[in-house]
C-alpha cells in the first residue's frame, strides 16, 4: 500500500512539474547549404558532373584498350567502339540534364 501511494505521488508530481520544465530548442544546421529544390538539383548535378569526368576518361581508355587488343577480331573491335559510344552518350545525357534544369528554372522564373 505504501509503495502505491509513493508511486501515485511521484506520478502526480511529474505531471504537475512537466509544463514548467525548461526545454532547449534544437536547431539543426543544413549541411547542404541549399534553400530550395532547384539549388539542390544543381548541387547534385554539379557533383555528378565532377564525378563523371574521371569516370568517363577511364571508360574511354578501357574502350580504346579493348579496340587496340582486338587483334583483328571484328567483334572485339565493335565491343570497344560501343563502350566508347555509350560513354559519350551517357556524358551527353548528363550535360543535357544540367542544361535542361537551367532552362526549366529560367522558364519558371520568367513565367507571368
PDB file of N, CA and C in Angstrom:
ATOM      1  N   UNK A   1       0.822  -1.200   0.000  1.00  0.00           N
ATOM      2  CA  UNK A   1       0.000   0.000   0.000  1.00  0.00           C
ATOM      3  C   UNK A   1       0.861   1.258   0.000  1.00  0.00           C
ATOM      4  N   UNK A   2       1.939   1.244   0.818  1.00  0.00           N
ATOM      5  CA  UNK A   2       2.830   2.398   0.869  1.00  0.00           C
ATOM      6  C   UNK A   2       3.501   2.659  -0.484  1.00  0.00           C
ATOM      7  N   UNK A   3       3.895   1.573  -1.152  1.00  0.00           N
ATOM      8  CA  UNK A   3       4.558   1.733  -2.446  1.00  0.00           C
ATOM      9  C   UNK A   3       3.605   2.359  -3.462  1.00  0.00           C
ATOM     10  N   UNK A   4       2.357   1.972  -3.352  1.00  0.00           N
ATOM     11  CA  UNK A   4       1.377   2.500  -4.295  1.00  0.00           C
ATOM     12  C   UNK A   4       1.161   3.997  -4.070  1.00  0.00           C
ATOM     13  N   UNK A   5       1.120   4.442  -2.842  1.00  0.00           N
ATOM     14  CA  UNK A   5       0.940   5.862  -2.531  1.00  0.00           C
ATOM     15  C   UNK A   5       2.152   6.660  -3.000  1.00  0.00           C
ATOM     16  N   UNK A   6       3.333   6.118  -2.757  1.00  0.00           N
ATOM     17  CA  UNK A   6       4.556   6.796  -3.202  1.00  0.00           C
ATOM     18  C   UNK A   6       4.568   6.886  -4.732  1.00  0.00           C
ATOM     19  N   UNK A   7       4.202   5.813  -5.398  1.00  0.00           N
ATOM     20  CA  UNK A   7       4.179   5.785  -6.863  1.00  0.00           C
ATOM     21  C   UNK A   7       3.187   6.820  -7.405  1.00  0.00           C
ATOM     22  N   UNK A   8       1.990   6.875  -6.837  1.00  0.00           N
ATOM     23  CA  UNK A   8       0.989   7.848  -7.279  1.00  0.00           C
ATOM     24  C   UNK A   8       1.467   9.263  -6.994  1.00  0.00           C
ATOM     25  N   UNK A   9       2.106   9.480  -5.869  1.00  0.00           N
ATOM     26  CA  UNK A   9       2.638  10.807  -5.535  1.00  0.00           C
ATOM     27  C   UNK A   9       3.711  11.247  -6.524  1.00  0.00           C
ATOM     28  N   UNK A  10       4.589  10.333  -6.878  1.00  0.00           N
ATOM     29  CA  UNK A  10       5.645  10.669  -7.853  1.00  0.00           C
ATOM     30  C   UNK A  10       5.025  10.981  -9.213  1.00  0.00           C
ATOM     31  N   UNK A  11       4.054  10.193  -9.631  1.00  0.00           N
ATOM     32  CA  UNK A  11       3.415  10.420 -10.925  1.00  0.00           C
ATOM     33  C   UNK A  11       2.692  11.767 -10.950  1.00  0.00           C
ATOM     34  N   UNK A  12       1.979  12.099  -9.867  1.00  0.00           N
ATOM     35  CA  UNK A  12       1.296  13.393  -9.811  1.00  0.00           C
ATOM     36  C   UNK A  12       2.293  14.545  -9.820  1.00  0.00           C
ATOM     37  N   UNK A  13       3.412  14.379  -9.136  1.00  0.00           N
ATOM     38  CA  UNK A  13       4.438  15.423  -9.134  1.00  0.00           C
ATOM     39  C   UNK A  13       5.023  15.604 -10.530  1.00  0.00           C
ATOM     40  N   UNK A  14       5.263  14.502 -11.223  1.00  0.00           N
ATOM     41  CA  UNK A  14       5.801  14.602 -12.583  1.00  0.00           C
ATOM     42  C   UNK A  14       4.812  15.273 -13.527  1.00  0.00           C
ATOM     43  N   UNK A  15       3.535  14.940 -13.376  1.00  0.00           N
ATOM     44  CA  UNK A  15       2.515  15.557 -14.222  1.00  0.00           C
ATOM     45  C   UNK A  15       2.404  17.045 -13.915  1.00  0.00           C
ATOM     46  N   UNK A  16       2.503  17.412 -12.657  1.00  0.00           N
ATOM     47  CA  UNK A  16       2.382  18.815 -12.272  1.00  0.00           C
ATOM     48  C   UNK A  16       3.608  19.616 -12.702  1.00  0.00           C
ATOM     49  N   UNK A  17       4.776  19.013 -12.655  1.00  0.00           N
ATOM     50  CA  UNK A  17       6.005  19.739 -12.986  1.00  0.00           C
ATOM     51  C   UNK A  17       6.352  19.705 -14.475  1.00  0.00           C
ATOM     52  N   UNK A  18       5.709  18.862 -15.240  1.00  0.00           N
ATOM     53  CA  UNK A  18       6.048  18.726 -16.662  1.00  0.00           C
ATOM     54  C   UNK A  18       5.883  20.028 -17.441  1.00  0.00           C
ATOM     55  N   UNK A  19       4.804  20.791 -17.250  1.00  0.00           N
ATOM     56  CA  UNK A  19       4.682  22.031 -18.030  1.00  0.00           C
ATOM     57  C   UNK A  19       5.734  23.077 -17.683  1.00  0.00           C
ATOM     58  N   UNK A  20       6.320  22.992 -16.510  1.00  0.00           N
ATOM     59  CA  UNK A  20       7.300  24.002 -16.119  1.00  0.00           C
ATOM     60  C   UNK A  20       8.731  23.599 -16.461  1.00  0.00           C
ATOM     61  N   UNK A  21       8.913  22.437 -17.046  1.00  0.00           N
ATOM     62  CA  UNK A  21      10.264  22.008 -17.404  1.00  0.00           C
ATOM     63  C   UNK A  21      10.780  22.888 -18.539  1.00  0.00           C
ATOM     64  N   UNK A  22      12.039  23.229 -18.451  1.00  0.00           N
ATOM     65  CA  UNK A  22      12.639  24.081 -19.473  1.00  0.00           C
ATOM     66  C   UNK A  22      13.294  23.195 -20.519  1.00  0.00           C
ATOM     67  N   UNK A  23      12.832  23.300 -21.712  1.00  0.00           N
ATOM     68  CA  UNK A  23      13.398  22.508 -22.803  1.00  0.00           C
ATOM     69  C   UNK A  23      14.107  23.447 -23.768  1.00  0.00           C
ATOM     70  N   UNK A  24      15.311  23.082 -24.136  1.00  0.00           N
ATOM     71  CA  UNK A  24      16.044  23.874 -25.111  1.00  0.00           C
ATOM     72  C   UNK A  24      15.549  23.547 -26.511  1.00  0.00           C
ATOM     73  N   UNK A  25      15.599  24.542 -27.340  1.00  0.00           N
ATOM     74  CA  UNK A  25      15.240  24.342 -28.735  1.00  0.00           C
ATOM     75  C   UNK A  25      16.441  23.761 -29.467  1.00  0.00           C
ATOM     76  N   UNK A  26      16.188  22.728 -30.244  1.00  0.00           N
ATOM     77  CA  UNK A  26      17.266  22.103 -31.002  1.00  0.00           C
ATOM     78  C   UNK A  26      17.215  22.640 -32.422  1.00  0.00           C
ATOM     79  N   UNK A  27      18.298  23.236 -32.863  1.00  0.00           N
ATOM     80  CA  UNK A  27      18.396  23.742 -34.222  1.00  0.00           C
ATOM     81  C   UNK A  27      19.423  22.920 -34.980  1.00  0.00           C
ATOM     82  N   UNK A  28      19.048  22.482 -36.151  1.00  0.00           N
ATOM     83  CA  UNK A  28      19.958  21.726 -36.999  1.00  0.00           C
ATOM     84  C   UNK A  28      20.482  22.634 -38.098  1.00  0.00           C
ATOM     85  N   UNK A  29      21.780  22.601 -38.290  1.00  0.00           N
ATOM     86  CA  UNK A  29      22.364  23.333 -39.403  1.00  0.00           C
ATOM     87  C   UNK A  29      22.202  22.503 -40.666  1.00  0.00           C
ATOM     88  N   UNK A  30      21.829  23.159 -41.735  1.00  0.00           N
ATOM     89  CA  UNK A  30      21.640  22.480 -43.008  1.00  0.00           C
ATOM     90  C   UNK A  30      23.011  22.160 -43.604  1.00  0.00           C
ATOM     91  N   UNK A  31      23.381  20.889 -43.700  1.00  0.00           N
ATOM     92  CA  UNK A  31      24.707  20.565 -44.219  1.00  0.00           C
ATOM     93  C   UNK A  31      24.827  20.790 -45.721  1.00  0.00           C
ATOM     94  N   UNK A  32      23.708  20.840 -46.429  1.00  0.00           N
ATOM     95  CA  UNK A  32      23.750  21.021 -47.880  1.00  0.00           C
ATOM     96  C   UNK A  32      23.853  22.482 -48.283  1.00  0.00           C
ATOM     97  N   UNK A  33      23.485  23.372 -47.413  1.00  0.00           N
ATOM     98  CA  UNK A  33      23.515  24.811 -47.652  1.00  0.00           C
ATOM     99  C   UNK A  33      22.698  25.202 -48.881  1.00  0.00           C
ATOM    100  N   UNK A  34      21.516  24.630 -49.009  1.00  0.00           N
ATOM    101  CA  UNK A  34      20.593  24.990 -50.085  1.00  0.00           C
ATOM    102  C   UNK A  34      19.271  25.405 -49.462  1.00  0.00           C
ATOM    103  N   UNK A  35      18.573  26.289 -50.179  1.00  0.00           N
ATOM    104  CA  UNK A  35      17.307  26.793 -49.659  1.00  0.00           C
ATOM    105  C   UNK A  35      16.088  26.280 -50.414  1.00  0.00           C
ATOM    106  N   UNK A  36      16.292  25.825 -51.649  1.00  0.00           N
ATOM    107  CA  UNK A  36      15.144  25.356 -52.425  1.00  0.00           C
ATOM    108  C   UNK A  36      15.540  24.140 -53.254  1.00  0.00           C
ATOM    109  N   UNK A  37      14.562  23.581 -53.936  1.00  0.00           N
ATOM    110  CA  UNK A  37      14.765  22.350 -54.693  1.00  0.00           C
ATOM    111  C   UNK A  37      15.708  22.553 -55.875  1.00  0.00           C
ATOM    112  N   UNK A  38      15.616  23.691 -56.545  1.00  0.00           N
ATOM    113  CA  UNK A  38      16.465  23.928 -57.720  1.00  0.00           C
ATOM    114  C   UNK A  38      17.937  23.996 -57.322  1.00  0.00           C
ATOM    115  N   UNK A  39      18.227  24.613 -56.190  1.00  0.00           N
ATOM    116  CA  UNK A  39      19.614  24.650 -55.720  1.00  0.00           C
ATOM    117  C   UNK A  39      20.117  23.248 -55.400  1.00  0.00           C
ATOM    118  N   UNK A  40      19.244  22.425 -54.828  1.00  0.00           N
ATOM    119  CA  UNK A  40      19.623  21.049 -54.523  1.00  0.00           C
ATOM    120  C   UNK A  40      19.903  20.259 -55.799  1.00  0.00           C
ATOM    121  N   UNK A  41      19.039  20.419 -56.803  1.00  0.00           N
ATOM    122  CA  UNK A  41      19.244  19.723 -58.078  1.00  0.00           C
ATOM    123  C   UNK A  41      20.548  20.173 -58.721  1.00  0.00           C
ATOM    124  N   UNK A  42      20.812  21.479 -58.710  1.00  0.00           N
ATOM    125  CA  UNK A  42      22.066  21.977 -59.285  1.00  0.00           C
ATOM    126  C   UNK A  42      23.280  21.455 -58.535  1.00  0.00           C
ATOM    127  N   UNK A  43      23.170  21.362 -57.224  1.00  0.00           N
ATOM    128  CA  UNK A  43      24.294  20.856 -56.431  1.00  0.00           C
ATOM    129  C   UNK A  43      24.551  19.378 -56.740  1.00  0.00           C
ATOM    130  N   UNK A  44      23.489  18.595 -56.869  1.00  0.00           N
ATOM    131  CA  UNK A  44      23.639  17.175 -57.207  1.00  0.00           C
ATOM    132  C   UNK A  44      24.216  17.016 -58.608  1.00  0.00           C
ATOM    133  N   UNK A  45      23.722  17.810 -59.562  1.00  0.00           N
ATOM    134  CA  UNK A  45      24.237  17.723 -60.930  1.00  0.00           C
ATOM    135  C   UNK A  45      25.695  18.160 -61.015  1.00  0.00           C
ATOM    136  N   UNK A  46      26.075  19.177 -60.250  1.00  0.00           N
ATOM    137  CA  UNK A  46      27.486  19.584 -60.225  1.00  0.00           C
ATOM    138  C   UNK A  46      28.361  18.462 -59.682  1.00  0.00           C
ATOM    139  N   UNK A  47      27.877  17.793 -58.635  1.00  0.00           N
ATOM    140  CA  UNK A  47      28.634  16.671 -58.074  1.00  0.00           C
ATOM    141  C   UNK A  47      28.763  15.541 -59.090  1.00  0.00           C
ATOM    142  N   UNK A  48      27.660  15.200 -59.756  1.00  0.00           N
ATOM    143  CA  UNK A  48      27.698  14.131 -60.759  1.00  0.00           C
ATOM    144  C   UNK A  48      28.594  14.500 -61.930  1.00  0.00           C
ATOM    145  N   UNK A  49      28.565  15.767 -62.331  1.00  0.00           N
ATOM    146  CA  UNK A  49      29.413  16.215 -63.430  1.00  0.00           C
ATOM    147  C   UNK A  49      30.885  16.093 -63.044  1.00  0.00           C
ATOM    148  N   UNK A  50      31.225  16.515 -61.838  1.00  0.00           N
ATOM    149  CA  UNK A  50      32.607  16.416 -61.364  1.00  0.00           C
ATOM    150  C   UNK A  50      33.040  14.962 -61.245  1.00  0.00           C
ATOM    151  N   UNK A  51      32.148  14.111 -60.807  1.00  0.00           N
ATOM    152  CA  UNK A  51      32.464  12.695 -60.665  1.00  0.00           C
ATOM    153  C   UNK A  51      32.560  11.997 -62.019  1.00  0.00           C
ATOM    154  N   UNK A  52      31.804  12.469 -62.998  1.00  0.00           N
ATOM    155  CA  UNK A  52      31.750  11.775 -64.285  1.00  0.00           C
ATOM    156  C   UNK A  52      32.979  11.996 -65.150  1.00  0.00           C
ATOM    157  N   UNK A  53      33.702  13.093 -64.964  1.00  0.00           N
ATOM    158  CA  UNK A  53      34.855  13.376 -65.835  1.00  0.00           C
ATOM    159  C   UNK A  53      35.931  12.297 -65.697  1.00  0.00           C
ATOM    160  N   UNK A  54      36.413  11.975 -64.493  1.00  0.00           N
ATOM    161  CA  UNK A  54      37.411  10.897 -64.429  1.00  0.00           C
ATOM    162  C   UNK A  54      36.825   9.534 -64.801  1.00  0.00           C
ATOM    163  N   UNK A  55      35.556   9.318 -64.485  1.00  0.00           N
ATOM    164  CA  UNK A  55      34.915   8.055 -64.837  1.00  0.00           C
ATOM    165  C   UNK A  55      34.817   7.914 -66.353  1.00  0.00           C
ATOM    166  N   UNK A  56      34.445   8.996 -67.034  1.00  0.00           N
ATOM    167  CA  UNK A  56      34.370   8.985 -68.493  1.00  0.00           C
ATOM    168  C   UNK A  56      35.742   8.710 -69.096  1.00  0.00           C
ATOM    169  N   UNK A  57      36.768   9.329 -68.543  1.00  0.00           N
ATOM    170  CA  UNK A  57      38.126   9.103 -69.040  1.00  0.00           C
ATOM    171  C   UNK A  57      38.512   7.640 -68.912  1.00  0.00           C
ATOM    172  N   UNK A  58      38.205   7.047 -67.772  1.00  0.00           N
ATOM    173  CA  UNK A  58      38.549   5.638 -67.557  1.00  0.00           C
ATOM    174  C   UNK A  58      37.781   4.731 -68.516  1.00  0.00           C
ATOM    175  N   UNK A  59      36.514   5.017 -68.749  1.00  0.00           N
ATOM    176  CA  UNK A  59      35.710   4.186 -69.648  1.00  0.00           C
ATOM    177  C   UNK A  59      36.201   4.312 -71.089  1.00  0.00           C
ATOM    178  N   UNK A  60      36.538   5.528 -71.518  1.00  0.00           N
ATOM    179  CA  UNK A  60      37.050   5.718 -72.880  1.00  0.00           C
ATOM    180  C   UNK A  60      38.383   5.000 -73.043  1.00  0.00           C
ATOM    181  N   UNK A  61      39.246   5.080 -72.036  1.00  0.00           N
ATOM    182  CA  UNK A  61      40.522   4.359 -72.108  1.00  0.00           C
ATOM    183  C   UNK A  61      40.300   2.853 -72.155  1.00  0.00           C
ATOM    184  N   UNK A  62      39.332   2.356 -71.399  1.00  0.00           N
ATOM    185  CA  UNK A  62      39.024   0.932 -71.438  1.00  0.00           C
ATOM    186  C   UNK A  62      38.511   0.526 -72.817  1.00  0.00           C
ATOM    187  N   UNK A  63      37.641   1.346 -73.399  1.00  0.00           N
ATOM    188  CA  UNK A  63      37.137   1.059 -74.738  1.00  0.00           C
ATOM    189  C   UNK A  63      38.244   1.084 -75.777  1.00  0.00           C
ATOM    190  N   UNK A  64      39.145   2.065 -75.662  1.00  0.00           N
ATOM    191  CA  UNK A  64      40.271   2.137 -76.599  1.00  0.00           C
ATOM    192  C   UNK A  64      41.198   0.937 -76.420  1.00  0.00           C
ATOM    193  N   UNK A  65      41.433   0.548 -75.183  1.00  0.00           N
ATOM    194  CA  UNK A  65      42.274  -0.618 -74.909  1.00  0.00           C
ATOM    195  C   UNK A  65      41.642  -1.884 -75.493  1.00  0.00           C
ATOM    196  N   UNK A  66      40.327  -1.991 -75.393  1.00  0.00           N
ATOM    197  CA  UNK A  66      39.625  -3.137 -75.978  1.00  0.00           C
ATOM    198  C   UNK A  66      39.759  -3.132 -77.498  1.00  0.00           C
ATOM    199  N   UNK A  67      39.664  -1.954 -78.102  1.00  0.00           N
ATOM    200  CA  UNK A  67      39.806  -1.860 -79.557  1.00  0.00           C
ATOM    201  C   UNK A  67      41.225  -2.206 -80.008  1.00  0.00           C
ATOM    202  N   UNK A  68      42.218  -1.729 -79.263  1.00  0.00           N
ATOM    203  CA  UNK A  68      43.612  -1.998 -79.631  1.00  0.00           C
ATOM    204  C   UNK A  68      43.929  -3.480 -79.497  1.00  0.00           C
ATOM    205  N   UNK A  69      43.430  -4.098 -78.451  1.00  0.00           N
ATOM    206  CA  UNK A  69      43.719  -5.511 -78.206  1.00  0.00           C
ATOM    207  C   UNK A  69      42.780  -6.461 -78.947  1.00  0.00           C
ATOM    208  N   UNK A  70      41.987  -5.949 -79.871  1.00  0.00           N
ATOM    209  CA  UNK A  70      41.090  -6.834 -80.615  1.00  0.00           C
ATOM    210  C   UNK A  70      41.858  -7.738 -81.574  1.00  0.00           C
ATOM    211  N   UNK A  71      43.019  -7.301 -82.034  1.00  0.00           N
ATOM    212  CA  UNK A  71      43.914  -8.100 -82.889  1.00  0.00           C
ATOM    213  C   UNK A  71      43.187  -8.643 -84.115  1.00  0.00           C
ATOM    214  N   UNK A  72      42.434  -7.773 -84.765  1.00  0.00           N
ATOM    215  CA  UNK A  72      41.763  -8.180 -85.985  1.00  0.00           C
ATOM    216  C   UNK A  72      40.403  -8.811 -85.780  1.00  0.00           C
ATOM    217  N   UNK A  73      40.022  -9.060 -84.550  1.00  0.00           N
ATOM    218  CA  UNK A  73      38.712  -9.640 -84.257  1.00  0.00           C
ATOM    219  C   UNK A  73      37.663  -8.524 -84.342  1.00  0.00           C
ATOM    220  N   UNK A  74      36.779  -8.639 -85.310  1.00  0.00           N
ATOM    221  CA  UNK A  74      35.794  -7.583 -85.550  1.00  0.00           C
ATOM    222  C   UNK A  74      34.832  -7.423 -84.377  1.00  0.00           C
ATOM    223  N   UNK A  75      34.485  -8.511 -83.718  1.00  0.00           N
ATOM    224  CA  UNK A  75      33.555  -8.436 -82.581  1.00  0.00           C
ATOM    225  C   UNK A  75      34.171  -7.674 -81.410  1.00  0.00           C
ATOM    226  N   UNK A  76      35.429  -7.927 -81.110  1.00  0.00           N
ATOM    227  CA  UNK A  76      36.101  -7.224 -80.011  1.00  0.00           C
ATOM    228  C   UNK A  76      36.256  -5.737 -80.339  1.00  0.00           C
ATOM    229  N   UNK A  77      36.593  -5.435 -81.595  1.00  0.00           N
ATOM    230  CA  UNK A  77      36.722  -4.040 -82.011  1.00  0.00           C
ATOM    231  C   UNK A  77      35.380  -3.323 -81.875  1.00  0.00           C
ATOM    232  N   UNK A  78      34.323  -3.995 -82.294  1.00  0.00           N
ATOM    233  CA  UNK A  78      32.979  -3.431 -82.202  1.00  0.00           C
ATOM    234  C   UNK A  78      32.577  -3.218 -80.739  1.00  0.00           C
ATOM    235  N   UNK A  79      32.968  -4.151 -79.878  1.00  0.00           N
ATOM    236  CA  UNK A  79      32.676  -4.030 -78.445  1.00  0.00           C
ATOM    237  C   UNK A  79      33.349  -2.780 -77.870  1.00  0.00           C
ATOM    238  N   UNK A  80      34.617  -2.562 -78.207  1.00  0.00           N
ATOM    239  CA  UNK A  80      35.325  -1.362 -77.747  1.00  0.00           C
ATOM    240  C   UNK A  80      34.699  -0.089 -78.282  1.00  0.00           C
ATOM    241  N   UNK A  81      34.278  -0.134 -79.547  1.00  0.00           N
ATOM    242  CA  UNK A  81      33.620   1.026 -80.153  1.00  0.00           C
ATOM    243  C   UNK A  81      32.329   1.359 -79.411  1.00  0.00           C
ATOM    244  N   UNK A  82      31.542   0.342 -79.091  1.00  0.00           N
ATOM    245  CA  UNK A  82      30.288   0.579 -78.378  1.00  0.00           C
ATOM    246  C   UNK A  82      30.526   1.055 -76.944  1.00  0.00           C
ATOM    247  N   UNK A  83      31.595   0.613 -76.324  1.00  0.00           N
ATOM    248  CA  UNK A  83      31.921   1.106 -74.977  1.00  0.00           C
ATOM    249  C   UNK A  83      32.158   2.608 -75.024  1.00  0.00           C
ATOM    250  N   UNK A  84      32.950   3.056 -75.993  1.00  0.00           N
ATOM    251  CA  UNK A  84      33.229   4.490 -76.128  1.00  0.00           C
ATOM    252  C   UNK A  84      31.957   5.252 -76.503  1.00  0.00           C
ATOM    253  N   UNK A  85      31.167   4.696 -77.399  1.00  0.00           N
ATOM    254  CA  UNK A  85      29.928   5.348 -77.826  1.00  0.00           C
ATOM    255  C   UNK A  85      28.962   5.515 -76.654  1.00  0.00           C
ATOM    256  N   UNK A  86      28.770   4.476 -75.862  1.00  0.00           N
ATOM    257  CA  UNK A  86      27.843   4.559 -74.729  1.00  0.00           C
ATOM    258  C   UNK A  86      28.356   5.502 -73.646  1.00  0.00           C
ATOM    259  N   UNK A  87      29.668   5.570 -73.470  1.00  0.00           N
ATOM    260  CA  UNK A  87      30.229   6.522 -72.512  1.00  0.00           C
ATOM    261  C   UNK A  87      29.961   7.952 -72.973  1.00  0.00           C
ATOM    262  N   UNK A  88      30.127   8.206 -74.259  1.00  0.00           N
ATOM    263  CA  UNK A  88      29.865   9.545 -74.793  1.00  0.00           C
ATOM    264  C   UNK A  88      28.382   9.896 -74.686  1.00  0.00           C
ATOM    265  N   UNK A  89      27.515   8.940 -74.957  1.00  0.00           N
ATOM    266  CA  UNK A  89      26.071   9.188 -74.843  1.00  0.00           C
ATOM    267  C   UNK A  89      25.693   9.475 -73.388  1.00  0.00           C
ATOM    268  N   UNK A  90      26.260   8.728 -72.463  1.00  0.00           N
ATOM    269  CA  UNK A  90      25.985   8.971 -71.051  1.00  0.00           C
ATOM    270  C   UNK A  90      26.438  10.348 -70.608  1.00  0.00           C
ATOM    271  N   UNK A  91      27.609  10.771 -71.074  1.00  0.00           N
ATOM    272  CA  UNK A  91      28.108  12.101 -70.724  1.00  0.00           C
ATOM    273  C   UNK A  91      27.230  13.176 -71.361  1.00  0.00           C
ATOM    274  N   UNK A  92      26.776  12.938 -72.577  1.00  0.00           N
ATOM    275  CA  UNK A  92      25.890  13.886 -73.248  1.00  0.00           C
ATOM    276  C   UNK A  92      24.566  14.019 -72.494  1.00  0.00           C
ATOM    277  N   UNK A  93      24.048  12.921 -71.998  1.00  0.00           N
ATOM    278  CA  UNK A  93      22.810  12.966 -71.205  1.00  0.00           C
ATOM    279  C   UNK A  93      23.018  13.796 -69.940  1.00  0.00           C
ATOM    280  N   UNK A  94      24.171  13.640 -69.304  1.00  0.00           N
ATOM    281  CA  UNK A  94      24.466  14.425 -68.105  1.00  0.00           C
ATOM    282  C   UNK A  94      24.565  15.908 -68.441  1.00  0.00           C
ATOM    283  N   UNK A  95      25.209  16.242 -69.547  1.00  0.00           N
ATOM    284  CA  UNK A  95      25.296  17.642 -69.961  1.00  0.00           C
ATOM    285  C   UNK A  95      23.916  18.214 -70.276  1.00  0.00           C
ATOM    286  N   UNK A  96      23.101  17.437 -70.979  1.00  0.00           N
ATOM    287  CA  UNK A  96      21.760  17.906 -71.314  1.00  0.00           C
ATOM    288  C   UNK A  96      20.888  18.073 -70.073  1.00  0.00           C
ATOM    289  N   UNK A  97      21.047  17.203 -69.092  1.00  0.00           N
ATOM    290  CA  UNK A  97      20.246  17.332 -67.869  1.00  0.00           C
ATOM    291  C   UNK A  97      20.610  18.605 -67.120  1.00  0.00           C
ATOM    292  N   UNK A  98      21.880  18.960 -67.125  1.00  0.00           N
ATOM    293  CA  UNK A  98      22.300  20.197 -66.467  1.00  0.00           C
ATOM    294  C   UNK A  98      21.724  21.408 -67.199  1.00  0.00           C
ATOM    295  N   UNK A  99      21.777  21.388 -68.512  1.00  0.00           N
ATOM    296  CA  UNK A  99      21.216  22.487 -69.293  1.00  0.00           C
ATOM    297  C   UNK A  99      19.706  22.534 -69.220  1.00  0.00           C
ATOM    298  N   UNK A 100      19.071  21.375 -69.210  1.00  0.00           N
ATOM    299  CA  UNK A 100      17.616  21.318 -69.144  1.00  0.00           C
ATOM    300  C   UNK A 100      17.107  21.839 -67.797  1.00  0.00           C
ATOM    301  N   UNK A 101      17.831  21.544 -66.734  1.00  0.00           N
ATOM    302  CA  UNK A 101      17.449  22.059 -65.422  1.00  0.00           C
ATOM    303  C   UNK A 101      17.502  23.574 -65.377  1.00  0.00           C
ATOM    304  N   UNK A 102      18.534  24.154 -65.966  1.00  0.00           N
ATOM    305  CA  UNK A 102      18.639  25.614 -66.023  1.00  0.00           C
ATOM    306  C   UNK A 102      17.540  26.208 -66.896  1.00  0.00           C
ATOM    307  N   UNK A 103      17.214  25.539 -67.997  1.00  0.00           N
ATOM    308  CA  UNK A 103      16.164  26.020 -68.892  1.00  0.00           C
ATOM    309  C   UNK A 103      14.808  26.024 -68.190  1.00  0.00           C
ATOM    310  N   UNK A 104      14.498  24.961 -67.485  1.00  0.00           N
ATOM    311  CA  UNK A 104      13.223  24.885 -66.761  1.00  0.00           C
ATOM    312  C   UNK A 104      13.168  25.952 -65.670  1.00  0.00           C
ATOM    313  N   UNK A 105      14.273  26.174 -64.973  1.00  0.00           N
ATOM    314  CA  UNK A 105      14.301  27.200 -63.930  1.00  0.00           C
ATOM    315  C   UNK A 105      14.084  28.587 -64.525  1.00  0.00           C
ATOM    316  N   UNK A 106      14.701  28.871 -65.669  1.00  0.00           N
ATOM    317  CA  UNK A 106      14.500  30.168 -66.315  1.00  0.00           C
ATOM    318  C   UNK A 106      13.056  30.348 -66.769  1.00  0.00           C
ATOM    319  N   UNK A 107      12.470  29.299 -67.309  1.00  0.00           N
ATOM    320  CA  UNK A 107      11.076  29.384 -67.760  1.00  0.00           C
ATOM    321  C   UNK A 107      10.144  29.625 -66.574  1.00  0.00           C
ATOM    322  N   UNK A 108      10.375  28.910 -65.472  1.00  0.00           N
ATOM    323  CA  UNK A 108       9.506  29.073 -64.300  1.00  0.00           C
ATOM    324  C   UNK A 108       9.704  30.428 -63.628  1.00  0.00           C
ATOM    325  N   UNK A 109      10.923  30.948 -63.634  1.00  0.00           N
ATOM    326  CA  UNK A 109      11.176  32.246 -63.006  1.00  0.00           C
ATOM    327  C   UNK A 109      10.634  33.401 -63.839  1.00  0.00           C
ATOM    328  N   UNK A 110      10.582  33.241 -65.150  1.00  0.00           N
ATOM    329  CA  UNK A 110      10.118  34.317 -66.024  1.00  0.00           C
ATOM    330  C   UNK A 110       8.653  34.175 -66.415  1.00  0.00           C
ATOM    331  N   UNK A 111       7.973  33.190 -65.874  1.00  0.00           N
ATOM    332  CA  UNK A 111       6.559  32.997 -66.205  1.00  0.00           C
ATOM    333  C   UNK A 111       5.727  34.124 -65.599  1.00  0.00           C
ATOM    334  N   UNK A 112       4.734  34.607 -66.359  1.00  0.00           N
ATOM    335  CA  UNK A 112       3.907  35.709 -65.821  1.00  0.00           C
ATOM    336  C   UNK A 112       2.975  35.259 -64.728  1.00  0.00           C
TER     337      UNK A 112
END
